[in-house]
């Protein structure tokens, strides 16, 4: 595994993080803006949610893994 890839665990160079590979495409398709409300049904590491929040839109984030949200304090 390379640094910066994957979820959880350690990789060469430090802790591995998920990289949202379709972020640009998803943002273009969703076109979020201030006042919008989106549901992220696969919250995971929060990469897509962070990008949507940066536009001023709100996000309702859901994940089956309760540890997924606990891993990213920057979204609170």
Protein backbone atom coordinates (compact mmCIF):
# COMPACT_ATOMS: atom_id res chain seq x y z
CA UNK A 1 0.00 0.00 0.00
CA UNK A 2 1.31 3.48 -0.74
CA UNK A 3 1.20 6.43 1.62
CA UNK A 4 -2.02 8.37 1.45
CA UNK A 5 -4.06 5.49 0.03
CA UNK A 6 -6.57 3.21 1.71
CA UNK A 7 -8.56 3.57 4.90
CA UNK A 8 -7.04 3.23 8.34
CA UNK A 9 -3.89 1.36 9.18
CA UNK A 10 -0.37 2.45 8.39
CA UNK A 11 1.40 2.62 5.07
CA UNK A 12 4.93 3.50 4.07
CA UNK A 13 5.33 7.10 5.18
CA UNK A 14 2.62 7.18 7.86
CA UNK A 15 -1.09 6.64 8.41
CA UNK A 16 -3.03 5.76 5.27
CA UNK A 17 -5.95 8.00 4.30
CA UNK A 18 -8.71 7.59 1.75
CA UNK A 19 -8.37 9.77 -1.33
CA UNK A 20 -11.71 10.46 -3.08
CA UNK A 21 -10.71 9.64 -6.66
CA UNK A 22 -13.88 10.98 -8.31
CA UNK A 23 -14.09 14.19 -6.30
CA UNK A 24 -13.88 16.57 -9.28
CA UNK A 25 -16.51 14.62 -11.23
CA UNK A 26 -18.83 14.33 -8.23
CA UNK A 27 -18.60 18.04 -7.46
CA UNK A 28 -19.27 18.96 -11.09
CA UNK A 29 -22.31 16.63 -11.19
CA UNK A 30 -23.74 17.71 -7.82
CA UNK A 31 -22.91 21.43 -8.27
CA UNK A 32 -23.34 22.17 -4.53
CA UNK A 33 -23.74 25.76 -3.38
CA UNK A 34 -24.67 27.68 -0.25
CA UNK A 35 -28.10 26.73 1.04
CA UNK A 36 -28.14 23.29 -0.56
CA UNK A 37 -28.58 20.15 1.53
CA UNK A 38 -26.97 16.87 0.51
CA UNK A 39 -26.96 13.34 1.92
CA UNK A 40 -23.67 11.43 1.92
CA UNK A 41 -24.75 7.82 2.41
CA UNK A 42 -21.19 6.50 2.32
CA UNK A 43 -19.45 9.00 4.61
CA UNK A 44 -16.30 6.93 5.20
CA UNK A 45 -13.35 9.29 5.68
CA UNK A 46 -15.40 12.37 4.76
CA UNK A 47 -13.58 13.49 1.61
CA UNK A 48 -16.72 14.23 -0.40
CA UNK A 49 -18.52 15.70 2.61
CA UNK A 50 -15.61 18.08 3.27
CA UNK A 51 -15.68 19.34 -0.31
CA UNK A 52 -19.46 19.87 -0.23
CA UNK A 53 -19.27 21.69 3.11
CA UNK A 54 -16.59 24.00 1.68
CA UNK A 55 -19.18 25.35 -0.79
CA UNK A 56 -21.47 26.48 2.03
CA UNK A 57 -23.93 23.63 1.53
CA UNK A 58 -25.05 21.37 4.40
CA UNK A 59 -24.47 17.61 4.52
CA UNK A 60 -26.29 14.84 6.35
CA UNK A 61 -23.58 12.16 6.62
CA UNK A 62 -24.42 8.49 7.19
CA UNK A 63 -22.17 5.44 7.52
CA UNK A 64 -22.69 1.90 8.81
CA UNK A 65 -19.29 2.01 10.53
CA UNK A 66 -19.58 4.14 13.70
CA UNK A 67 -15.80 4.51 13.75
CA UNK A 68 -15.82 6.21 10.31
CA UNK A 69 -17.13 9.51 11.64
CA UNK A 70 -14.98 9.30 14.78
CA UNK A 71 -11.83 9.11 12.60
CA UNK A 72 -12.24 12.65 11.23
CA UNK A 73 -12.57 15.36 13.89
CA UNK A 74 -12.12 18.13 11.29
CA UNK A 75 -15.76 17.81 10.18
CA UNK A 76 -17.26 18.70 13.55
